[in-house]
């Protein structure tokens, strides 16, 4: 019954991106033009974590993966079978050396490839790096 109600009310999925304990982005709308945050140099240099959490309005059995890419769409890191992840800023700085942006996506795939359903790629946020 609750699944039916949430699908009728249209409550969207939501996500949060936290850098070093500070909420930098919370949204329920996948919009690459809006979900952009400029990261200050002082914040980027701190030792801490980047935390990403994704919450479905209606839990599903589909496969979830967090994907991190640079500004050119080059895949830097994938966390399979998760709806949240915590990554140290020191490892991110090494991975993103010379890069200008970190783009974060939730990739949702059917649990069975025979389902012939498309994989969804949801843009969660873009971090503009110093």
N, C-alpha and C. Protein backbone atom coordinates (compact mmCIF):
# COMPACT_ATOMS: atom_id res chain seq x y z
N UNK A 1 0.82 -1.20 0.00
CA UNK A 1 0.00 0.00 0.00
C UNK A 1 0.86 1.26 0.00
N UNK A 2 1.96 1.27 0.79
CA UNK A 2 2.81 2.46 0.83
C UNK A 2 3.52 2.68 -0.50
N UNK A 3 3.85 1.60 -1.19
CA UNK A 3 4.47 1.74 -2.51
C UNK A 3 3.49 2.40 -3.47
N UNK A 4 2.24 1.98 -3.41
CA UNK A 4 1.22 2.55 -4.26
C UNK A 4 1.02 4.03 -3.94
N UNK A 5 0.97 4.38 -2.66
CA UNK A 5 0.77 5.77 -2.27
C UNK A 5 1.93 6.66 -2.72
N UNK A 6 3.16 6.20 -2.54
CA UNK A 6 4.30 7.04 -2.93
C UNK A 6 4.38 7.19 -4.44
N UNK A 7 3.94 6.16 -5.18
CA UNK A 7 3.95 6.30 -6.63
C UNK A 7 2.83 7.23 -7.08
N UNK A 8 1.73 7.27 -6.35
CA UNK A 8 0.64 8.17 -6.69
C UNK A 8 0.99 9.61 -6.35
N UNK A 9 1.66 9.82 -5.23
CA UNK A 9 2.02 11.18 -4.83
C UNK A 9 3.21 11.69 -5.63
N UNK A 10 3.95 10.79 -6.26
CA UNK A 10 5.07 11.19 -7.09
C UNK A 10 6.26 11.70 -6.31
N UNK A 11 6.41 11.25 -5.07
CA UNK A 11 7.55 11.72 -4.29
C UNK A 11 8.84 11.23 -4.96
N UNK A 12 9.73 12.16 -5.25
CA UNK A 12 10.94 11.83 -6.00
C UNK A 12 12.05 11.26 -5.13
N UNK A 13 13.00 10.63 -5.79
CA UNK A 13 14.21 10.21 -5.11
C UNK A 13 14.96 11.47 -4.68
N UNK A 14 15.87 11.32 -3.71
CA UNK A 14 16.63 12.48 -3.25
C UNK A 14 18.06 12.06 -2.94
N UNK A 15 18.93 13.05 -2.84
CA UNK A 15 20.33 12.76 -2.54
C UNK A 15 20.97 13.94 -1.83
N UNK A 16 22.10 13.61 -1.18
CA UNK A 16 22.87 14.60 -0.45
C UNK A 16 24.35 14.39 -0.75
N UNK A 17 25.07 15.50 -0.88
CA UNK A 17 26.52 15.46 -1.04
C UNK A 17 27.11 16.31 0.08
N UNK A 18 27.99 15.69 0.87
CA UNK A 18 28.59 16.34 2.03
C UNK A 18 30.10 16.31 1.85
N UNK A 19 30.74 17.46 2.05
CA UNK A 19 32.20 17.55 1.97
C UNK A 19 32.73 17.99 3.33
N UNK A 20 33.56 17.15 3.93
CA UNK A 20 34.18 17.45 5.23
C UNK A 20 33.13 17.82 6.29
N UNK A 21 32.03 17.08 6.30
CA UNK A 21 30.98 17.28 7.30
C UNK A 21 30.03 18.42 7.00
N UNK A 22 30.22 19.11 5.87
CA UNK A 22 29.37 20.25 5.52
C UNK A 22 28.52 19.89 4.31
N UNK A 23 27.20 20.04 4.45
CA UNK A 23 26.28 19.77 3.34
C UNK A 23 26.53 20.79 2.24
N UNK A 24 26.89 20.30 1.05
CA UNK A 24 27.13 21.23 -0.06
C UNK A 24 26.04 21.14 -1.13
N UNK A 25 25.29 20.02 -1.15
CA UNK A 25 24.23 19.89 -2.14
C UNK A 25 23.21 18.86 -1.66
N UNK A 26 21.96 19.24 -1.71
CA UNK A 26 20.86 18.33 -1.43
C UNK A 26 19.81 18.60 -2.50
N UNK A 27 19.33 17.55 -3.16
CA UNK A 27 18.40 17.76 -4.26
C UNK A 27 17.53 16.53 -4.49
N UNK A 28 16.54 16.72 -5.31
CA UNK A 28 15.70 15.63 -5.80
C UNK A 28 15.49 15.78 -7.31
N UNK A 29 16.19 16.77 -7.90
CA UNK A 29 16.06 17.03 -9.33
C UNK A 29 17.41 16.85 -10.01
N UNK A 30 17.46 15.97 -11.00
CA UNK A 30 18.68 15.74 -11.76
C UNK A 30 18.77 16.80 -12.85
N UNK A 31 19.58 17.83 -12.59
CA UNK A 31 19.71 18.93 -13.52
C UNK A 31 21.17 19.38 -13.54
N UNK A 32 21.88 19.06 -14.62
CA UNK A 32 23.31 19.36 -14.69
C UNK A 32 23.60 20.85 -14.68
N UNK A 33 22.64 21.67 -15.09
CA UNK A 33 22.84 23.12 -15.10
C UNK A 33 22.67 23.73 -13.71
N UNK A 34 21.95 23.05 -12.83
CA UNK A 34 21.66 23.59 -11.50
C UNK A 34 22.52 22.95 -10.42
N UNK A 35 22.74 21.66 -10.47
CA UNK A 35 23.44 20.94 -9.40
C UNK A 35 24.95 21.05 -9.56
N UNK A 36 25.43 22.30 -9.49
CA UNK A 36 26.86 22.59 -9.60
C UNK A 36 27.28 23.35 -8.35
N UNK A 37 28.38 22.94 -7.75
CA UNK A 37 28.90 23.63 -6.57
C UNK A 37 30.38 23.91 -6.76
N UNK A 38 30.76 25.15 -6.47
CA UNK A 38 32.16 25.56 -6.53
C UNK A 38 32.79 25.20 -5.18
N UNK A 39 33.87 24.46 -5.22
CA UNK A 39 34.57 24.06 -4.01
C UNK A 39 35.74 25.02 -3.80
N UNK A 40 35.78 25.62 -2.62
CA UNK A 40 36.86 26.56 -2.29
C UNK A 40 38.14 25.78 -2.04
N UNK A 41 39.25 26.42 -2.35
CA UNK A 41 40.56 25.80 -2.21
C UNK A 41 40.82 25.33 -0.78
N UNK A 42 40.48 26.15 0.20
CA UNK A 42 40.71 25.79 1.60
C UNK A 42 39.92 24.54 1.98
N UNK A 43 38.70 24.43 1.49
CA UNK A 43 37.86 23.26 1.79
C UNK A 43 38.41 22.01 1.09
N UNK A 44 38.90 22.17 -0.13
CA UNK A 44 39.42 21.05 -0.92
C UNK A 44 40.71 20.50 -0.30
N UNK A 45 41.50 21.37 0.33
CA UNK A 45 42.78 20.96 0.90
C UNK A 45 42.65 20.30 2.27
N UNK A 46 41.50 20.44 2.91
CA UNK A 46 41.28 19.83 4.23
C UNK A 46 41.29 18.31 4.10
N UNK A 47 41.77 17.66 5.16
CA UNK A 47 41.66 16.20 5.21
C UNK A 47 40.30 15.86 5.80
N UNK A 48 39.53 15.13 5.05
CA UNK A 48 38.19 14.75 5.47
C UNK A 48 37.63 13.77 4.46
N UNK A 49 36.32 13.86 4.23
CA UNK A 49 35.65 12.93 3.33
C UNK A 49 34.62 13.62 2.47
N UNK A 50 34.40 13.02 1.31
CA UNK A 50 33.26 13.35 0.47
C UNK A 50 32.26 12.22 0.69
N UNK A 51 31.05 12.59 1.09
CA UNK A 51 30.01 11.59 1.34
C UNK A 51 28.85 11.85 0.38
N UNK A 52 28.41 10.79 -0.27
CA UNK A 52 27.28 10.87 -1.18
C UNK A 52 26.26 9.84 -0.73
N UNK A 53 25.00 10.28 -0.56
CA UNK A 53 23.95 9.33 -0.21
C UNK A 53 22.73 9.58 -1.09
N UNK A 54 22.16 8.48 -1.56
CA UNK A 54 21.02 8.51 -2.48
C UNK A 54 19.89 7.73 -1.83
N UNK A 55 18.70 8.32 -1.82
CA UNK A 55 17.55 7.67 -1.20
C UNK A 55 16.42 7.57 -2.21
N UNK A 56 15.99 6.33 -2.45
CA UNK A 56 14.86 6.10 -3.36
C UNK A 56 13.55 6.35 -2.62
N UNK A 57 12.60 6.96 -3.31
CA UNK A 57 11.29 7.16 -2.71
C UNK A 57 10.58 5.83 -2.53
N UNK A 58 10.80 4.93 -3.47
CA UNK A 58 10.25 3.57 -3.39
C UNK A 58 11.42 2.61 -3.58
N UNK A 59 11.85 1.92 -2.53
CA UNK A 59 13.00 1.00 -2.66
C UNK A 59 12.75 -0.04 -3.75
N UNK A 60 13.80 -0.32 -4.51
CA UNK A 60 13.68 -1.28 -5.59
C UNK A 60 14.77 -2.34 -5.48
N UNK A 61 14.64 -3.37 -6.28
CA UNK A 61 15.65 -4.44 -6.31
C UNK A 61 16.66 -4.21 -7.43
N UNK A 62 16.56 -3.07 -8.10
CA UNK A 62 17.49 -2.77 -9.18
C UNK A 62 18.88 -2.53 -8.61
N UNK A 63 19.89 -2.68 -9.46
CA UNK A 63 21.28 -2.52 -9.05
C UNK A 63 21.67 -1.04 -9.09
N UNK A 64 22.35 -0.60 -8.04
CA UNK A 64 22.76 0.80 -7.94
C UNK A 64 24.28 0.89 -7.89
N UNK A 65 24.81 1.91 -8.52
CA UNK A 65 26.25 2.17 -8.48
C UNK A 65 26.48 3.67 -8.52
N UNK A 66 27.41 4.14 -7.69
CA UNK A 66 27.83 5.53 -7.76
C UNK A 66 29.00 5.62 -8.72
N UNK A 67 28.93 6.54 -9.66
CA UNK A 67 29.99 6.70 -10.64
C UNK A 67 30.53 8.12 -10.54
N UNK A 68 31.86 8.23 -10.52
CA UNK A 68 32.54 9.51 -10.44
C UNK A 68 33.36 9.69 -11.71
N UNK A 69 33.16 10.82 -12.40
CA UNK A 69 33.87 11.09 -13.65
C UNK A 69 34.51 12.47 -13.58
N UNK A 70 35.42 12.73 -14.53
CA UNK A 70 35.97 14.08 -14.63
C UNK A 70 35.11 14.89 -15.59
N UNK A 71 35.56 16.10 -15.91
CA UNK A 71 34.77 16.99 -16.77
C UNK A 71 34.59 16.47 -18.19
N UNK A 72 35.44 15.53 -18.60
CA UNK A 72 35.33 14.96 -19.95
C UNK A 72 34.55 13.64 -19.97
N UNK A 73 34.00 13.24 -18.84
CA UNK A 73 33.24 12.00 -18.78
C UNK A 73 34.10 10.77 -18.59
N UNK A 74 35.40 10.97 -18.31
CA UNK A 74 36.30 9.83 -18.07
C UNK A 74 35.99 9.27 -16.67
N UNK A 75 35.67 7.99 -16.64
CA UNK A 75 35.33 7.33 -15.38
C UNK A 75 36.56 7.24 -14.49
N UNK A 76 36.43 7.77 -13.27
CA UNK A 76 37.54 7.76 -12.31
C UNK A 76 37.34 6.72 -11.22
N UNK A 77 36.09 6.52 -10.82
CA UNK A 77 35.80 5.61 -9.72
C UNK A 77 34.35 5.16 -9.82
N UNK A 78 34.11 3.87 -9.55
CA UNK A 78 32.74 3.34 -9.49
C UNK A 78 32.62 2.54 -8.20
N UNK A 79 31.55 2.82 -7.48
CA UNK A 79 31.23 2.06 -6.27
C UNK A 79 29.96 1.26 -6.59
N UNK A 80 30.13 -0.06 -6.83
CA UNK A 80 29.01 -0.91 -7.21
C UNK A 80 28.18 -1.33 -6.00
N UNK A 81 26.90 -1.58 -6.27
CA UNK A 81 25.96 -2.11 -5.28
C UNK A 81 25.86 -1.26 -4.03
N UNK A 82 25.83 0.08 -4.22
CA UNK A 82 25.71 0.99 -3.09
C UNK A 82 24.73 2.12 -3.42
N UNK A 83 24.16 2.70 -2.39
CA UNK A 83 23.39 3.92 -2.55
C UNK A 83 24.05 5.06 -1.76
N UNK A 84 25.16 4.75 -1.09
CA UNK A 84 25.93 5.78 -0.42
C UNK A 84 27.40 5.38 -0.39
N UNK A 85 28.26 6.39 -0.29
CA UNK A 85 29.69 6.13 -0.25
C UNK A 85 30.39 7.26 0.47
N UNK A 86 31.52 6.92 1.07
CA UNK A 86 32.38 7.90 1.74
C UNK A 86 33.78 7.71 1.18
N UNK A 87 34.35 8.79 0.63
CA UNK A 87 35.67 8.74 0.00
C UNK A 87 36.53 9.83 0.62
N UNK A 88 37.76 9.50 0.98
CA UNK A 88 38.63 10.49 1.60
C UNK A 88 39.02 11.56 0.59
N UNK A 89 39.12 12.79 1.06
CA UNK A 89 39.50 13.88 0.17
C UNK A 89 40.94 13.71 -0.32
N UNK A 90 41.79 13.09 0.48
CA UNK A 90 43.18 12.89 0.03
C UNK A 90 43.22 11.96 -1.18
N UNK A 91 42.42 10.88 -1.18
CA UNK A 91 42.41 9.99 -2.34
C UNK A 91 41.74 10.68 -3.54
N UNK A 92 40.75 11.52 -3.30
CA UNK A 92 40.12 12.28 -4.39
C UNK A 92 41.10 13.25 -5.01
N UNK A 93 41.88 13.95 -4.19
CA UNK A 93 42.86 14.90 -4.73
C UNK A 93 43.86 14.20 -5.64
N UNK A 94 44.31 13.01 -5.24
CA UNK A 94 45.25 12.24 -6.07
C UNK A 94 44.59 11.84 -7.39
N UNK A 95 43.35 11.37 -7.31
CA UNK A 95 42.62 10.91 -8.48
C UNK A 95 42.30 12.06 -9.45
N UNK A 96 42.09 13.24 -8.90
CA UNK A 96 41.65 14.39 -9.70
C UNK A 96 42.76 15.38 -10.00
N UNK A 97 43.99 14.99 -9.81
CA UNK A 97 45.12 15.88 -10.07
C UNK A 97 45.06 16.42 -11.50
N UNK A 98 45.01 17.73 -11.63
CA UNK A 98 44.94 18.36 -12.95
C UNK A 98 43.54 18.45 -13.54
N UNK A 99 42.54 17.93 -12.85
CA UNK A 99 41.16 17.96 -13.34
C UNK A 99 40.45 19.20 -12.80
N UNK A 100 39.43 19.64 -13.51
CA UNK A 100 38.69 20.85 -13.14
C UNK A 100 37.34 20.56 -12.48
N UNK A 101 36.80 19.35 -12.72
CA UNK A 101 35.48 19.03 -12.19
C UNK A 101 35.40 17.56 -11.78
N UNK A 102 34.54 17.32 -10.81
CA UNK A 102 34.17 15.97 -10.43
C UNK A 102 32.66 15.86 -10.62
N UNK A 103 32.24 14.95 -11.49
CA UNK A 103 30.81 14.74 -11.72
C UNK A 103 30.40 13.44 -11.05
N UNK A 104 29.25 13.48 -10.38
CA UNK A 104 28.78 12.34 -9.60
C UNK A 104 27.43 11.89 -10.16
N UNK A 105 27.34 10.59 -10.44
CA UNK A 105 26.12 10.00 -11.01
C UNK A 105 25.68 8.79 -10.20
N UNK A 106 24.37 8.54 -10.20
CA UNK A 106 23.82 7.28 -9.71
C UNK A 106 23.41 6.51 -10.96
N UNK A 107 23.94 5.31 -11.11
CA UNK A 107 23.61 4.45 -12.25
C UNK A 107 22.70 3.34 -11.72
N UNK A 108 21.51 3.24 -12.28
CA UNK A 108 20.52 2.26 -11.84
C UNK A 108 20.24 1.31 -13.00
N UNK A 109 20.54 0.04 -12.77
CA UNK A 109 20.42 -0.98 -13.81
C UNK A 109 19.45 -2.07 -13.38
N UNK A 110 18.80 -2.71 -14.35
CA UNK A 110 17.90 -3.82 -14.00
C UNK A 110 18.69 -4.98 -13.40
N UNK A 111 18.08 -5.71 -12.48
CA UNK A 111 18.79 -6.82 -11.85
C UNK A 111 19.05 -7.99 -12.80
N UNK A 112 18.31 -8.03 -13.89
CA UNK A 112 18.44 -9.10 -14.86
C UNK A 112 18.53 -8.48 -16.25
N UNK A 113 19.62 -8.74 -16.95
CA UNK A 113 19.81 -8.15 -18.29
C UNK A 113 18.73 -8.58 -19.28
N UNK A 114 18.07 -9.70 -18.99
CA UNK A 114 17.02 -10.19 -19.88
C UNK A 114 15.74 -9.36 -19.77
N UNK A 115 15.69 -8.47 -18.79
CA UNK A 115 14.50 -7.64 -18.61
C UNK A 115 14.33 -6.62 -19.75
N UNK A 116 15.41 -6.38 -20.49
CA UNK A 116 15.39 -5.45 -21.61
C UNK A 116 14.99 -4.04 -21.19
N UNK A 117 15.25 -3.70 -19.95
CA UNK A 117 14.96 -2.35 -19.46
C UNK A 117 16.23 -1.51 -19.55
N UNK A 118 16.09 -0.23 -19.83
CA UNK A 118 17.28 0.61 -19.95
C UNK A 118 17.90 0.93 -18.59
N UNK A 119 19.20 1.14 -18.61
CA UNK A 119 19.92 1.62 -17.44
C UNK A 119 19.68 3.12 -17.33
N UNK A 120 19.42 3.59 -16.12
CA UNK A 120 19.23 5.02 -15.89
C UNK A 120 20.51 5.60 -15.29
N UNK A 121 20.90 6.77 -15.77
CA UNK A 121 22.06 7.46 -15.23
C UNK A 121 21.58 8.83 -14.74
N UNK A 122 21.62 9.03 -13.44
CA UNK A 122 21.09 10.24 -12.82
C UNK A 122 22.24 11.12 -12.35
N UNK A 123 22.30 12.34 -12.86
CA UNK A 123 23.33 13.30 -12.43
C UNK A 123 22.97 13.81 -11.04
N UNK A 124 23.85 13.56 -10.08
CA UNK A 124 23.61 14.01 -8.71
C UNK A 124 24.24 15.38 -8.47
N UNK A 125 25.42 15.60 -9.03
CA UNK A 125 26.07 16.88 -8.81
C UNK A 125 27.39 16.99 -9.54
N UNK A 126 27.80 18.22 -9.76
CA UNK A 126 29.12 18.52 -10.32
C UNK A 126 29.85 19.43 -9.33
N UNK A 127 31.06 19.04 -8.97
CA UNK A 127 31.88 19.85 -8.09
C UNK A 127 32.96 20.51 -8.93
N UNK A 128 32.95 21.84 -8.94
CA UNK A 128 33.99 22.60 -9.65
C UNK A 128 35.16 22.74 -8.69
N UNK A 129 36.31 22.24 -9.12
CA UNK A 129 37.46 22.18 -8.24
C UNK A 129 38.34 23.42 -8.38
N UNK A 130 39.07 23.76 -7.30
CA UNK A 130 39.94 24.94 -7.35
C UNK A 130 41.11 24.74 -8.29
